[in-house]
Protein backbone atom coordinates (compact mmCIF):
# COMPACT_ATOMS: atom_id res chain seq x y z
CA MET A 1 1.90 80.14 2.97
CA ILE A 2 3.64 76.42 2.97
CA ARG A 3 4.14 74.42 6.51
CA GLU A 4 7.50 73.06 6.02
CA ASP A 5 7.21 71.99 9.29
CA ILE A 6 4.10 69.55 8.86
CA ARG A 7 3.26 66.50 6.96
CA ASN A 8 0.18 64.62 6.77
CA ILE A 9 -0.04 60.85 5.36
CA ALA A 10 -2.65 58.24 5.31
CA ILE A 11 -1.14 54.07 5.51
CA ILE A 12 -3.17 52.64 2.98
CA ALA A 13 -3.23 48.44 2.22
CA HIS A 14 -5.05 45.54 1.71
CA VAL A 15 -6.12 43.73 4.39
CA ASP A 16 -3.36 42.21 6.83
CA HIS A 17 -0.21 43.48 4.74
CA GLY A 18 1.17 45.31 8.04
CA LYS A 19 -0.25 48.96 7.97
CA THR A 20 -0.80 48.97 12.02
CA THR A 21 2.50 47.02 12.85
CA LEU A 22 4.08 49.89 10.32
CA VAL A 23 2.82 52.35 12.66
CA ASP A 24 3.55 50.57 15.63
CA GLU A 25 7.48 51.06 14.23
CA LEU A 26 7.16 54.47 13.11
CA LEU A 27 5.39 55.78 16.44
CA LYS A 28 8.42 53.70 18.90
CA GLN A 29 11.33 54.97 16.04
CA SER A 30 10.40 58.45 16.82
CA GLY A 31 10.19 58.58 20.78
CA VAL A 32 6.73 58.48 21.45
CA PHE A 33 7.21 55.99 23.86
CA ARG A 34 9.97 55.70 27.09
CA ALA A 35 12.41 52.64 26.21
CA ASN A 36 11.73 50.48 29.27
CA GLN A 37 8.19 51.31 28.64
CA GLU A 38 5.43 48.12 27.35
CA VAL A 39 3.71 48.50 24.37
CA ALA A 40 0.93 46.34 23.18
CA GLU A 41 1.65 44.96 19.38
CA ARG A 42 -1.02 46.78 17.33
CA VAL A 43 -0.98 49.86 19.83
CA MET A 44 -3.43 51.43 16.77
CA ASP A 45 -6.33 48.98 17.14
CA SER A 46 -7.21 49.78 20.33
CA ASN A 47 -10.40 48.61 19.82
CA ASP A 48 -11.36 44.84 21.52
CA LEU A 49 -12.52 43.40 18.31
CA GLU A 50 -9.66 45.05 16.24
CA ARG A 51 -7.34 43.06 18.65
CA GLU A 52 -9.31 40.00 18.85
CA ARG A 53 -9.35 39.73 14.86
CA GLY A 54 -6.37 41.53 14.13
CA ILE A 55 -8.04 43.95 11.68
CA THR A 56 -8.63 47.76 11.56
CA ILE A 57 -11.91 48.58 11.87
CA LEU A 58 -11.78 52.39 12.23
CA SER A 59 -9.20 54.84 11.03
CA LYS A 60 -7.33 55.79 13.51
CA ASN A 61 -4.92 59.18 13.69
CA THR A 62 -1.67 59.77 15.58
CA ALA A 63 1.42 61.83 15.03
CA VAL A 64 5.18 61.64 15.42
CA TYR A 65 7.54 64.11 14.86
CA TYR A 66 11.11 63.12 12.76
CA LYS A 67 13.75 65.67 13.35
CA ASN A 68 12.05 69.02 13.44
CA THR A 69 8.76 67.49 11.02
CA LYS A 70 5.46 66.98 12.65
CA ILE A 71 4.07 63.98 10.40
CA ASN A 72 0.04 63.23 10.91
CA ILE A 73 -0.20 59.76 10.17
CA ILE A 74 -3.78 58.14 9.72
CA ASP A 75 -4.06 54.26 10.01
CA THR A 76 -6.82 53.28 7.77
CA PRO A 77 -8.76 49.84 7.73
CA GLY A 78 -8.05 47.13 4.86
CA HIS A 79 -11.46 45.41 4.83
CA ALA A 80 -13.30 46.17 1.86
CA ASP A 81 -16.59 46.24 3.84
CA PHE A 82 -14.83 49.33 5.81
CA GLY A 83 -14.24 51.19 2.56
CA GLY A 84 -16.45 53.79 3.56
CA GLU A 85 -13.32 55.19 6.10
CA VAL A 86 -10.73 55.24 3.59
CA GLU A 87 -13.04 57.30 1.54
CA ARG A 88 -13.41 59.82 3.25
CA VAL A 89 -9.67 60.74 5.14
CA LEU A 90 -7.86 60.74 2.33
CA LYS A 91 -9.60 64.38 2.36
CA MET A 92 -7.44 65.26 5.01
CA VAL A 93 -4.02 64.06 3.87
CA ASN A 94 -1.12 65.61 1.18
CA GLY A 95 0.05 62.16 0.38
CA VAL A 96 -0.09 58.24 1.13
CA ILE A 97 2.04 55.18 2.21
CA LEU A 98 0.52 52.12 -0.08
CA VAL A 99 1.76 48.91 2.04
CA VAL A 100 2.15 45.99 -0.06
CA ASP A 101 3.21 42.51 1.14
CA ALA A 102 6.99 41.42 -0.55
CA PHE A 103 5.20 37.70 -0.90
CA GLU A 104 1.60 38.71 -1.93
CA GLY A 105 1.88 41.76 -4.02
CA ALA A 106 -1.13 43.66 -5.12
CA MET A 107 -4.90 42.49 -4.24
CA PRO A 108 -7.92 43.66 -4.75
CA GLN A 109 -8.37 45.75 -1.93
CA THR A 110 -5.00 47.52 -2.92
CA LYS A 111 -6.80 48.11 -6.28
CA PHE A 112 -9.58 49.99 -4.35
CA VAL A 113 -7.78 51.86 -1.99
CA LEU A 114 -5.09 53.45 -4.68
CA GLN A 115 -7.63 53.74 -6.70
CA LYS A 116 -9.30 56.28 -4.51
CA ALA A 117 -5.74 58.09 -3.98
CA LEU A 118 -4.95 58.43 -7.38
CA GLU A 119 -8.59 59.84 -8.43
CA LEU A 120 -8.11 62.95 -5.44
CA ASP A 121 -4.57 63.48 -7.00
CA LEU A 122 -2.53 62.41 -3.86
CA PRO A 123 1.29 61.28 -4.33
CA VAL A 124 2.10 57.77 -3.69
CA ILE A 125 5.08 56.08 -1.86
CA VAL A 126 4.79 52.63 -2.23
CA CYS A 127 6.30 50.15 1.10
CA ILE A 128 7.00 47.04 -0.47
CA ASN A 129 6.83 45.40 3.35
CA LYS A 130 7.77 41.81 4.84
CA ILE A 131 10.80 41.26 2.72
CA ASP A 132 12.39 39.03 5.38
CA ARG A 133 9.61 36.90 4.82
CA PRO A 134 11.53 33.68 2.94
CA GLU A 135 9.07 33.71 -0.33
CA ALA A 136 9.11 37.22 -0.64
CA ARG A 137 9.83 38.36 -4.12
CA PRO A 138 9.84 42.31 -3.93
CA GLU A 139 11.40 42.40 -7.55
CA GLU A 140 8.38 41.21 -9.05
CA VAL A 141 6.00 42.72 -6.82
CA ILE A 142 7.55 46.15 -7.87
CA ASP A 143 5.92 45.13 -11.67
CA GLU A 144 3.13 44.09 -10.23
CA VAL A 145 2.04 47.54 -8.26
CA LEU A 146 3.53 49.53 -11.77
CA GLU A 147 0.99 47.58 -13.63
CA LEU A 148 -1.82 48.20 -11.45
CA PHE A 149 -1.33 52.21 -11.51
CA ILE A 150 -1.31 51.42 -15.51
CA ASP A 151 -4.28 50.10 -14.73
CA LEU A 152 -5.85 52.79 -13.33
CA ASP A 153 -4.81 55.37 -15.49
CA ALA A 154 -1.74 57.01 -13.22
CA SER A 155 -0.06 60.26 -14.53
CA ASP A 156 3.36 60.73 -15.10
CA GLU A 157 4.31 61.99 -12.04
CA GLN A 158 2.20 59.49 -9.97
CA LEU A 159 4.13 56.81 -12.14
CA ASP A 160 7.05 58.04 -10.58
CA CYS A 161 6.87 57.27 -7.46
CA PRO A 162 9.49 56.74 -4.88
CA PHE A 163 9.56 52.43 -3.41
CA VAL A 164 10.78 51.72 -0.09
CA PHE A 165 11.38 48.28 1.30
CA ALA A 166 10.79 47.34 4.63
CA SER A 167 9.90 44.61 7.34
CA ALA A 168 7.85 46.47 9.84
CA LYS A 169 8.09 43.70 11.71
CA ALA A 170 11.85 43.56 12.46
CA GLY A 171 11.85 47.78 12.63
CA TYR A 172 13.36 48.91 9.44
CA ALA A 173 13.29 50.30 5.65
CA LEU A 174 16.00 50.51 2.88
CA LYS A 175 15.93 52.49 -0.01
CA GLU A 176 17.57 50.06 -2.09
CA LEU A 177 17.35 46.03 -1.71
CA THR A 178 21.18 46.10 -1.47
CA ASP A 179 21.51 48.10 1.90
CA GLU A 180 22.42 47.80 5.33
CA PRO A 181 19.34 46.97 7.51
CA LYS A 182 19.25 49.68 10.02
CA ASP A 183 16.29 51.66 11.18
CA MET A 184 13.06 53.26 9.95
CA SER A 185 14.86 56.20 8.87
CA PRO A 186 14.36 55.77 5.18
CA LEU A 187 11.06 55.58 5.35
CA PHE A 188 10.92 59.14 7.00
CA GLU A 189 13.14 60.58 4.63
CA THR A 190 11.34 59.31 2.00
CA ILE A 191 7.71 61.14 3.96
CA VAL A 192 9.46 64.54 4.74
CA ASN A 193 11.34 64.82 1.07
CA TYR A 194 8.35 63.69 -0.99
CA ILE A 195 5.15 63.99 0.39
CA PRO A 196 3.84 67.76 -0.02
CA ALA A 197 3.58 70.19 3.06
CA PRO A 198 0.22 71.73 3.31
CA GLU A 199 -0.28 74.78 1.78
CA GLY A 200 -2.71 77.72 2.24
CA ASP A 201 -3.46 81.13 3.21
CA PRO A 202 -3.20 81.47 7.40
CA GLU A 203 -4.63 85.13 6.76
CA GLY A 204 -7.58 84.39 5.34
CA PRO A 205 -11.07 83.04 7.42
CA VAL A 206 -10.95 79.70 9.06
CA GLN A 207 -12.00 76.76 7.05
CA VAL A 208 -12.35 73.02 8.61
CA LEU A 209 -13.16 70.33 6.83
CA ILE A 210 -14.53 67.50 9.28
CA SER A 211 -13.67 63.92 8.00
CA THR A 212 -14.01 62.02 10.99
CA ILE A 213 -16.41 61.98 14.31
CA ASP A 214 -15.23 60.39 17.25
CA TYR A 215 -17.45 59.80 19.88
CA ASN A 216 -16.90 59.85 23.47
CA GLU A 217 -19.44 59.15 26.65
CA TYR A 218 -18.19 62.42 28.68
CA VAL A 219 -17.64 65.09 25.72
CA GLY A 220 -20.31 63.75 22.95
CA ARG A 221 -19.07 64.21 19.62
CA ILE A 222 -15.54 65.06 18.70
CA GLY A 223 -14.54 66.39 15.15
CA VAL A 224 -11.61 65.35 13.64
CA GLY A 225 -10.48 67.32 10.05
CA LYS A 226 -7.37 69.48 8.63
CA VAL A 227 -7.36 73.36 8.85
CA ASP A 228 -7.48 74.66 5.10
CA ARG A 229 -7.61 78.18 5.32
CA GLY A 230 -6.70 80.77 8.51
CA VAL A 231 -6.25 80.06 12.06
CA ILE A 232 -8.93 78.54 14.44
CA ARG A 233 -8.75 79.08 18.39
CA ILE A 234 -10.90 78.27 21.27
CA ASN A 235 -14.10 80.02 22.20
CA GLN A 236 -14.25 81.57 18.30
CA ASP A 237 -17.83 82.12 16.62
CA ALA A 238 -18.25 80.26 13.79
CA VAL A 239 -20.85 78.85 11.36
CA LEU A 240 -21.34 74.59 9.89
CA VAL A 241 -22.08 74.36 6.67
CA ASN A 242 -22.00 71.29 4.24
CA HIS A 243 -21.41 71.26 0.62
CA HIS A 244 -24.27 68.48 -0.15
CA GLU A 245 -26.54 70.52 1.97
CA PRO A 246 -26.96 73.85 0.43
CA ASP A 247 -29.50 74.95 3.48
CA LYS A 248 -27.09 74.38 6.52
CA LYS A 249 -26.27 77.34 8.28
CA GLN A 250 -25.74 77.25 11.66
CA ARG A 251 -23.85 79.00 14.47
CA VAL A 252 -21.64 77.47 16.78
CA LYS A 253 -18.64 78.55 19.53
CA ILE A 254 -15.19 76.40 19.46
CA SER A 255 -15.05 75.40 22.98
CA LYS A 256 -12.15 72.41 23.22
CA LEU A 257 -9.48 72.08 20.40
CA TYR A 258 -6.68 69.42 20.51
CA GLU A 259 -4.02 68.41 18.03
CA PHE A 260 -2.71 64.76 18.05
CA ASP A 261 0.73 63.73 19.84
CA GLY A 262 1.99 60.25 19.72
CA LEU A 263 -1.33 58.40 20.71
CA ASN A 264 -2.66 61.48 22.74
CA LYS A 265 -4.77 64.59 22.05
CA VAL A 266 -3.03 67.20 23.52
CA ASP A 267 -4.75 70.87 24.00
CA VAL A 268 -4.34 73.80 22.51
CA ASP A 269 -5.57 77.04 22.20
CA SER A 270 -5.32 77.63 18.58
CA ALA A 271 -4.46 75.70 15.05
CA THR A 272 -3.61 77.52 11.65
CA ILE A 273 -3.09 75.87 7.88
CA GLY A 274 -2.17 72.07 7.77
CA SER A 275 -2.97 70.88 11.46
CA ILE A 276 -4.56 68.03 11.89
CA VAL A 277 -7.21 68.90 15.17
CA ALA A 278 -9.86 67.49 16.82
CA ILE A 279 -12.88 69.80 18.12
CA SER A 280 -15.94 69.03 20.78
CA GLY A 281 -18.48 70.71 22.40
CA ILE A 282 -20.42 70.84 18.83
CA ALA A 283 -23.81 68.58 19.31
CA ASP A 284 -24.74 68.53 15.82
CA LEU A 285 -21.51 67.62 13.84
CA HIS A 286 -21.73 65.54 11.10
CA ILE A 287 -18.62 64.39 8.81
CA GLY A 288 -18.55 66.37 5.44
CA ASP A 289 -19.50 69.36 7.79
CA THR A 290 -17.03 72.68 7.03
CA ILE A 291 -16.37 74.63 10.10
CA CYS A 292 -16.26 78.09 8.54
CA ALA A 293 -15.97 81.88 9.51
CA VAL A 294 -19.07 83.94 10.33
CA ASP A 295 -18.87 86.47 7.58
CA CYS A 296 -17.46 83.76 4.94
CA PRO A 297 -19.45 80.45 5.29
CA ASP A 298 -17.74 78.85 2.61
CA ALA A 299 -18.01 74.70 2.09
CA ILE A 300 -15.54 72.53 1.05
CA PRO A 301 -16.45 69.54 -1.56
CA PHE A 302 -17.11 66.17 -0.13
CA GLN A 303 -17.40 63.17 -1.89
CA LYS A 304 -20.71 61.05 -0.91
CA ILE A 305 -20.01 57.42 0.65
CA SER A 306 -20.41 55.17 -1.51
CA GLU A 307 -23.89 53.42 -0.37
CA PRO A 308 -24.81 50.25 1.61
CA THR A 309 -25.05 47.23 -0.23
CA ILE A 310 -26.80 44.82 2.33
CA SER A 311 -29.23 45.02 4.51
CA MET A 312 -30.72 43.22 7.76
CA ASN A 313 -33.54 43.68 10.25
CA PHE A 314 -32.58 44.32 14.12
CA ILE A 315 -35.92 43.28 16.05
CA VAL A 316 -36.65 43.63 19.91
CA ASN A 317 -36.24 39.98 20.72
CA ASP A 318 -39.70 38.05 21.63
CA SER A 319 -38.77 34.17 22.18
CA PRO A 320 -40.08 32.31 25.03
CA LEU A 321 -36.36 33.03 26.54
CA ALA A 322 -36.74 36.60 25.67
CA GLY A 323 -35.23 39.00 28.65
CA GLN A 324 -33.31 36.58 30.93
CA GLU A 325 -29.55 36.81 29.76
CA GLY A 326 -29.81 40.93 28.28
CA LYS A 327 -29.37 44.64 29.89
CA TYR A 328 -31.15 46.16 27.17
CA VAL A 329 -34.08 44.34 25.91
CA THR A 330 -36.66 47.18 24.55
CA SER A 331 -37.73 48.78 21.13
CA ARG A 332 -36.54 52.31 22.83
CA HIS A 333 -32.89 50.86 23.82
CA LEU A 334 -32.44 49.23 20.47
CA ARG A 335 -33.23 52.41 18.84
CA GLU A 336 -31.34 54.50 20.86
CA ARG A 337 -27.90 52.34 20.56
CA LEU A 338 -28.53 52.32 16.68
CA PHE A 339 -29.08 55.44 15.96
CA ARG A 340 -26.09 56.04 18.02
CA GLU A 341 -24.17 54.36 15.90
CA LEU A 342 -24.74 56.36 13.04
CA ASN A 343 -22.96 59.27 14.99
CA THR A 344 -19.37 57.67 14.35
CA ASP A 345 -19.94 55.48 11.05
CA VAL A 346 -20.60 56.97 7.38
CA SER A 347 -21.21 53.65 5.92
CA LEU A 348 -24.29 52.62 7.90
CA ARG A 349 -27.99 54.02 7.45
CA VAL A 350 -31.02 52.64 10.29
CA GLU A 351 -34.46 53.18 8.91
CA ASP A 352 -37.79 53.11 11.54
CA THR A 353 -40.38 50.59 9.75
CA GLU A 354 -44.14 50.31 9.92
CA ASP A 355 -42.99 47.49 13.14
CA THR A 356 -42.04 49.65 16.24
CA ASP A 357 -39.97 46.79 17.31
CA THR A 358 -38.34 46.35 14.10
CA PHE A 359 -35.28 48.95 12.43
CA LYS A 360 -33.76 47.98 8.97
CA VAL A 361 -29.54 48.85 9.26
CA SER A 362 -27.86 48.76 5.95
CA GLY A 363 -24.37 48.44 5.84
CA ARG A 364 -21.22 47.61 2.95
CA GLY A 365 -21.18 43.86 3.74
CA GLU A 366 -21.99 41.27 6.35
CA LEU A 367 -19.08 41.90 8.18
CA HIS A 368 -19.30 44.92 9.08
CA LEU A 369 -22.60 44.01 9.87
CA SER A 370 -21.65 41.25 12.42
CA ILE A 371 -19.09 44.04 13.93
CA LEU A 372 -21.78 45.89 15.07
CA ILE A 373 -23.92 43.19 16.43
CA GLU A 374 -20.73 41.52 18.46
CA THR A 375 -20.02 45.37 19.59
CA MET A 376 -23.66 45.48 20.66
CA ARG A 377 -23.55 42.00 22.43
CA ARG A 378 -20.82 42.93 24.46
CA GLU A 379 -22.47 46.21 25.64
CA GLY A 380 -25.29 43.97 27.27
CA TYR A 381 -28.15 44.08 24.41
CA GLU A 382 -30.34 41.58 23.25
CA PHE A 383 -32.41 41.59 20.24
CA ALA A 384 -32.86 38.98 16.69
CA VAL A 385 -31.80 40.15 13.57
CA SER A 386 -32.93 38.57 10.31
CA LYS A 387 -30.75 37.19 7.20
CA ALA A 388 -29.10 39.76 5.47
CA GLU A 389 -30.23 40.34 2.04
CA VAL A 390 -28.85 42.50 -0.75
CA ILE A 391 -30.37 46.25 -1.99
CA TYR A 392 -31.97 46.13 -5.21
CA LYS A 393 -32.65 49.22 -7.07
CA TYR A 394 -34.36 49.90 -10.12
CA ASP A 395 -32.89 50.84 -13.64
CA GLU A 396 -34.97 53.96 -15.76
CA ARG A 397 -36.81 50.88 -17.96
CA ASN A 398 -37.83 49.84 -14.06
CA LYS A 399 -35.45 46.66 -14.87
CA LYS A 400 -34.02 45.29 -11.56
CA LEU A 401 -30.71 46.07 -10.59
CA GLU A 402 -28.57 44.40 -7.55
CA PRO A 403 -24.76 44.81 -6.15
CA MET A 404 -22.22 42.72 -8.07
CA GLU A 405 -18.36 41.52 -6.55
CA LEU A 406 -15.57 40.71 -8.12
CA ALA A 407 -13.87 37.55 -6.31
CA TYR A 408 -10.45 36.79 -5.58
CA ILE A 409 -9.71 33.62 -4.64
CA ASP A 410 -6.49 31.47 -4.31
CA VAL A 411 -6.82 27.78 -3.84
CA PRO A 412 -4.49 24.67 -4.10
CA GLU A 413 -5.30 23.39 -7.70
CA GLU A 414 -7.19 20.33 -6.39
CA PHE A 415 -9.94 22.53 -5.19
CA SER A 416 -10.27 24.56 -7.73
CA GLY A 417 -13.11 22.36 -9.34
CA THR A 418 -15.05 22.42 -6.28
CA VAL A 419 -15.03 25.93 -5.99
CA ILE A 420 -16.08 26.90 -9.37
CA GLN A 421 -18.89 24.46 -9.24
CA LYS A 422 -20.12 25.90 -6.15
CA LEU A 423 -19.73 29.65 -7.33
CA SER A 424 -21.24 28.28 -10.46
CA LEU A 425 -24.69 27.14 -8.37
CA ARG A 426 -25.11 30.87 -6.84
CA LYS A 427 -24.70 32.78 -9.72
CA GLY A 428 -21.34 33.49 -10.39
CA GLU A 429 -19.56 33.71 -13.49
CA LEU A 430 -15.93 33.03 -14.36
CA GLN A 431 -13.95 35.56 -15.42
CA GLY A 432 -10.06 34.67 -15.13
CA MET A 433 -7.87 31.80 -14.22
CA SER A 434 -4.59 32.13 -13.61
CA LYS A 435 -1.21 30.86 -11.30
CA THR A 436 -0.15 32.75 -8.66
CA SER A 437 3.32 32.95 -7.49
CA SER A 438 2.83 30.38 -4.32
CA GLY A 439 1.52 27.25 -6.77
CA ASN A 440 -2.23 28.01 -6.08
CA THR A 441 -5.03 28.84 -9.07
CA ARG A 442 -5.86 32.34 -8.78
CA LEU A 443 -9.77 32.53 -9.61
CA GLU A 444 -12.05 35.78 -10.42
CA PHE A 445 -15.28 35.47 -10.40
CA SER A 446 -18.04 38.10 -10.96
CA ILE A 447 -20.66 37.43 -8.43
CA PRO A 448 -24.11 38.87 -7.24
CA SER A 449 -23.68 39.73 -3.74
CA ARG A 450 -26.34 37.75 -2.35
CA GLY A 451 -24.08 34.89 -3.91
CA LEU A 452 -21.77 35.26 -1.45
CA ILE A 453 -24.12 35.36 1.64
CA GLY A 454 -23.26 32.34 3.17
CA TYR A 455 -20.71 30.90 1.15
CA ARG A 456 -17.43 30.99 3.63
CA GLY A 457 -18.51 28.38 6.04
CA ASP A 458 -18.89 26.13 2.86
CA PHE A 459 -15.44 27.71 1.00
CA MET A 460 -13.48 27.04 4.37
CA THR A 461 -14.71 23.41 4.47
CA ASP A 462 -14.22 22.73 0.43
CA THR A 463 -10.59 23.98 0.84
CA LYS A 464 -10.05 22.45 3.87
CA GLY A 465 -8.92 25.80 4.84
CA ASN A 466 -6.14 26.28 2.33
CA GLY A 467 -8.05 28.98 0.99
CA ILE A 468 -8.09 32.75 0.35
CA MET A 469 -10.87 34.67 -0.86
CA ASN A 470 -10.96 38.51 -1.77
CA THR A 471 -14.14 40.42 -2.70
CA ILE A 472 -14.54 44.05 -3.64
CA PHE A 473 -17.80 45.90 -4.78
CA ASP A 474 -18.30 46.31 -8.72
CA GLY A 475 -21.23 48.45 -9.26
CA TYR A 476 -24.83 47.30 -10.07
CA GLY A 477 -25.92 44.90 -12.88
CA PRO A 478 -29.04 43.34 -13.88
CA TYR A 479 -30.76 41.13 -11.90
CA LYS A 480 -29.31 37.62 -11.99
CA GLY A 481 -32.53 34.97 -11.30
CA ASP A 482 -33.40 33.04 -7.78
CA LEU A 483 -31.15 31.52 -5.85
CA GLN A 484 -31.25 28.89 -3.22
CA TYR A 485 -29.47 29.61 0.02
CA ARG A 486 -29.49 26.09 1.45
CA SER A 487 -29.48 23.22 0.37
CA GLN A 488 -30.20 21.36 4.07
CA GLY A 489 -33.42 21.97 5.94
CA SER A 490 -33.27 23.13 9.88
CA LEU A 491 -33.84 19.75 12.97
CA ILE A 492 -36.65 22.10 15.10
CA ALA A 493 -37.38 21.33 18.79
CA PHE A 494 -41.00 20.48 19.01
CA GLU A 495 -41.82 21.34 22.38
CA SER A 496 -39.82 23.54 25.17
CA GLY A 497 -38.19 22.36 28.13
CA GLU A 498 -34.23 21.22 28.62
CA ALA A 499 -32.20 19.02 26.34
CA VAL A 500 -31.78 15.83 27.79
CA ALA A 501 -29.15 13.12 26.25
CA TYR A 502 -31.54 10.19 25.29
CA GLY A 503 -33.61 13.07 23.35
CA LEU A 504 -30.27 14.32 21.48
CA PHE A 505 -29.28 10.37 20.97
CA ASN A 506 -32.23 9.90 19.07
CA ALA A 507 -32.26 13.24 17.09
CA GLN A 508 -28.07 12.78 16.07
CA ASP A 509 -29.31 10.40 13.52
CA ARG A 510 -30.66 13.10 11.57
CA GLY A 511 -28.76 15.56 11.37
CA THR A 512 -25.78 17.95 12.84
CA LEU A 513 -27.03 19.39 16.13
CA PHE A 514 -25.91 22.88 17.72
CA ILE A 515 -26.66 21.85 21.26
CA SER A 516 -26.13 19.92 23.90
CA PRO A 517 -27.81 18.03 27.15
CA GLY A 518 -28.83 20.49 29.75
CA GLU A 519 -29.34 23.63 27.58
CA ARG A 520 -33.24 25.37 27.41
CA VAL A 521 -35.23 24.88 24.03
CA TYR A 522 -38.33 25.75 23.02
CA SER A 523 -40.87 25.18 20.09
CA GLY A 524 -39.61 26.70 16.96
CA MET A 525 -36.01 27.32 17.79
CA VAL A 526 -33.90 25.70 15.45
CA ILE A 527 -30.90 23.16 17.06
CA GLY A 528 -29.50 21.72 14.39
CA GLN A 529 -28.67 20.93 10.04
CA SER A 530 -31.01 18.58 8.91
CA GLY A 531 -29.41 15.93 6.56
CA LYS A 532 -32.45 16.23 4.36
CA PRO A 533 -33.53 19.09 2.26
CA GLU A 534 -36.76 19.81 4.50
CA ASP A 535 -37.09 20.58 7.86
CA ILE A 536 -37.50 17.90 10.61
CA GLU A 537 -39.12 18.68 14.25
CA LEU A 538 -37.98 17.07 17.07
CA ASN A 539 -38.47 16.51 20.64
CA VAL A 540 -35.14 16.62 22.25
CA CYS A 541 -36.64 16.87 25.75
CA LYS A 542 -38.20 13.33 25.62
CA THR A 543 -36.84 11.12 28.87
CA LYS A 544 -36.28 7.60 28.26
CA HIS A 545 -39.26 5.65 29.89
CA LEU A 546 -38.76 3.42 32.73
CA THR A 547 -40.17 -0.06 32.98
CA ASN A 548 -39.91 -1.92 35.83
CA THR A 549 -37.87 -4.62 34.23
CA ARG A 550 -34.04 -4.04 32.65
CA ALA A 551 -32.35 -6.66 30.22
CA SER A 552 -28.57 -6.50 30.81
CA GLY A 553 -26.83 -3.44 28.39
CA SER A 554 -29.73 -1.45 27.99
CA ASP A 555 -28.52 1.13 30.02
CA GLU A 556 -25.22 1.55 29.13
CA ALA A 557 -24.35 5.60 28.96
CA LEU A 558 -25.45 7.02 25.56
CA LYS A 559 -22.55 8.23 23.16
CA LEU A 560 -23.23 11.32 21.76
CA THR A 561 -21.39 13.32 19.12
CA PRO A 562 -20.21 16.72 20.03
CA PRO A 563 -22.49 19.35 18.93
CA ARG A 564 -21.49 22.00 16.27
CA ILE A 565 -21.03 25.31 18.58
CA LEU A 566 -21.70 28.18 15.66
CA SER A 567 -19.60 31.56 16.16
CA LEU A 568 -22.34 35.09 15.03
CA GLU A 569 -20.52 34.93 11.65
CA GLN A 570 -21.62 31.18 11.06
CA ALA A 571 -25.21 31.67 12.96
CA LEU A 572 -25.93 34.57 10.01
CA GLU A 573 -24.37 32.58 7.25
CA PHE A 574 -26.84 30.07 8.57
CA ILE A 575 -30.04 31.07 8.64
CA ASP A 576 -32.51 31.42 6.15
CA THR A 577 -35.05 33.68 5.03
CA ASP A 578 -37.69 32.36 7.39
CA GLU A 579 -35.75 32.46 10.71
CA LEU A 580 -33.92 34.57 12.90
CA LEU A 581 -30.92 34.97 14.95
CA GLU A 582 -31.35 35.43 18.70
CA VAL A 583 -28.71 37.29 20.18
CA THR A 584 -27.82 37.85 23.76
CA PRO A 585 -24.86 38.42 25.69
CA LYS A 586 -24.53 34.89 26.59
CA SER A 587 -26.12 33.21 23.62
CA LEU A 588 -26.87 32.92 20.15
CA ARG A 589 -30.16 30.74 18.90
CA ILE A 590 -31.18 30.09 16.18
CA ARG A 591 -35.18 30.38 15.74
CA LYS A 592 -38.16 30.27 12.90
CA LYS A 593 -39.65 33.67 12.37
CA ILE A 594 -43.04 31.44 13.16
CA LEU A 595 -42.59 29.81 16.38
CA ASP A 596 -46.12 27.99 16.11
CA PRO A 597 -45.84 24.48 14.02
CA THR A 598 -49.25 24.68 12.86
CA LEU A 599 -48.95 28.59 11.78
CA ARG A 600 -45.86 28.07 10.33
CA LYS A 601 -47.18 25.49 7.99
CA ARG A 602 -50.15 27.70 6.82
CA ALA A 603 -47.63 29.92 5.82
CA MET A 604 -45.32 27.99 3.84
CA ILE A 605 -48.58 26.72 2.41
CA LYS A 606 -48.89 30.55 1.27
CA ASN A 607 -45.81 31.25 0.19
CA ARG A 608 -46.20 28.15 -2.09
CA GLN A 609 -49.29 29.28 -3.77
C-alpha cells in the first residue's frame, strides 16, 4: 500500500545556508500560525544556545499541510560536529531537500550531507536559497552542485533532480529564475510531486525504527521514528529489538503515542505506515531500537553512528575556590548529568576512569564538547575540564593512526601566506589552491585533527576576521609526529588573595592579562599569557609599601591595559596539556593541574627525563 496523503522529508545543508529559515516560511505559509500571531525568527531553534549562536544543534521534527498532503519535515544541523544527528534521521524520510546558498555554492558540509543521502538512495530536491542576495550567482551554483553529484557517483535518476530557487527570508520559491516571485507553493508542489509517498504493508506485524530520542523531565525518554509496517496502537504489547544487539528482546507496552502537527505533538490512538510518531513510556529505549510485534521480532538494519574523534576529561573541581558558585559540585552530580546526556546525544561517549572524580567524555569535535560544557554550566554545574585530545587508533601492524580533517579555508589573498605557514607548522599539507567567486583564495588542507585544536583564535587574528574555515572529518591516517600547541607560556599567580591594581600594573609588562583588579586569585591560577615561551610566576596581590616620605607625582593613578576576557571556546583553545579550565555558572578560570609551584617544577623535570 502507498500512502499518498503523506510525504517525509529532511532538510540538509551546510552551516548558515538557511535551512531553519526555510522551515519557518513553510510553517507560516501552511497556516500553522494564526494571521496575527507573533513568531520568533528561526522558531525551530528552540534551545537557548541555538538561538544565541545562530546554529542548529539538534534535529527537530515538525509537520505542515499542503492541500490534502501532510508533509513531515525534519530540520537537521549543518555543523560537522553534529553529523551524527544527520546520519540517523535520514532513515526516517523518503527524500531530502538540499539547501545551497546562491552565493557561497557547494561547501564541505554540503558534500558530507549529500553523500549520506545518496548512500541511502534518497531522491534529492536542490533548493538554491538566498537568490535575492546582491552577489547571488544561481546559474554557476547549479553547475557546482551537479559536479558534486558526479563526484559522489550519483545515479542517473539522482542526477535528474529538480532545482527550485528561493529566498527563504523573503518567503518565495520559483521553479524558473524568470518566474514572478509569489510564495512557497512551487517548493510545496515539487515536494508533493517528486518525493515518493511512503509505502508498506498496513496489515503486517508492526515495525517502528527509533531514529531520534527526545528527553523530557516529566515523561522521561521519548522515541521518535517512522512506522515501517503495520499499525501501532496505544496499550499495545510489543518487543524491543536491535540490529546490532541480537540478544536484545525486551517486552514493552506502548503507553503514549503522538504525531507531529506544526510545532506540537498531538495525542493519537494509533498510527499506520509512513507516519512519524513519538512514543513515550519506555524507559530503556535507544536510538537504533526497533519496536516490533511480539510474535515477529524483526529488527530493521541501522547504520552505526560515526565514532568520536576527540576527548577531554571532566573532573570534579578541587581548586581553592571550589564549591562557591555552582549548585551541583560532587562527582555523583557530574556523573549523573554526563550519563543523562547519552539519552539524547548518540555521538557522545562517557567513560568512568580509575579516578572516581574524573570522567572521560568523547565527541565529534571541539564545538560538540563546548556546547555540552556551556549547557551544563547554565544548569548550575561546577567542574573542571582538561585540554581536548584526539583519540588514536592502531592498525594491525600496531602503527599509530590519528584522525585527519579536510580544512577548506577562504581568505583574502594577502592573508593566505600566513595561513599556509601556520598550518604547515601544525602538520597541515596544502592539497589545492583556487580562486573563489568572491575573489578570495580557497586553500584546501589535509591536517591532523589535533593540528586544528586551538587554531581558530589564531586564524581569526591572522585574517583580521575576514577568513572562513570549514572542516570535515577525513578518516584516520598515519601519525604525523609531535606538535607544539602554544609558543607562549602562562602568567601564573604566586599567592592567593585579591588582585590589586599595583600588582597588576607591574605584571602587565610581562604579557597579556586575563583578570581585573578585585578578582580573587589563588596560587597556581593562570592570570594571563606570557610574552615568552616559558611560564612566569607573579604576585598580583602585592600592594605598594607605604612610607612617610612622599614625592610629587608618585601617587598618580596607575594606567592598566584592559584585560583580555576569554570566552569558553577561547579558554578551551588556550589551555595547554598541563592546565585545566575551571568552569562555574559565573566564572571561567584557567589553572595549572598541579597548583603547588615546587611539585609543579618537580613534575616538569620528571617529564623531561
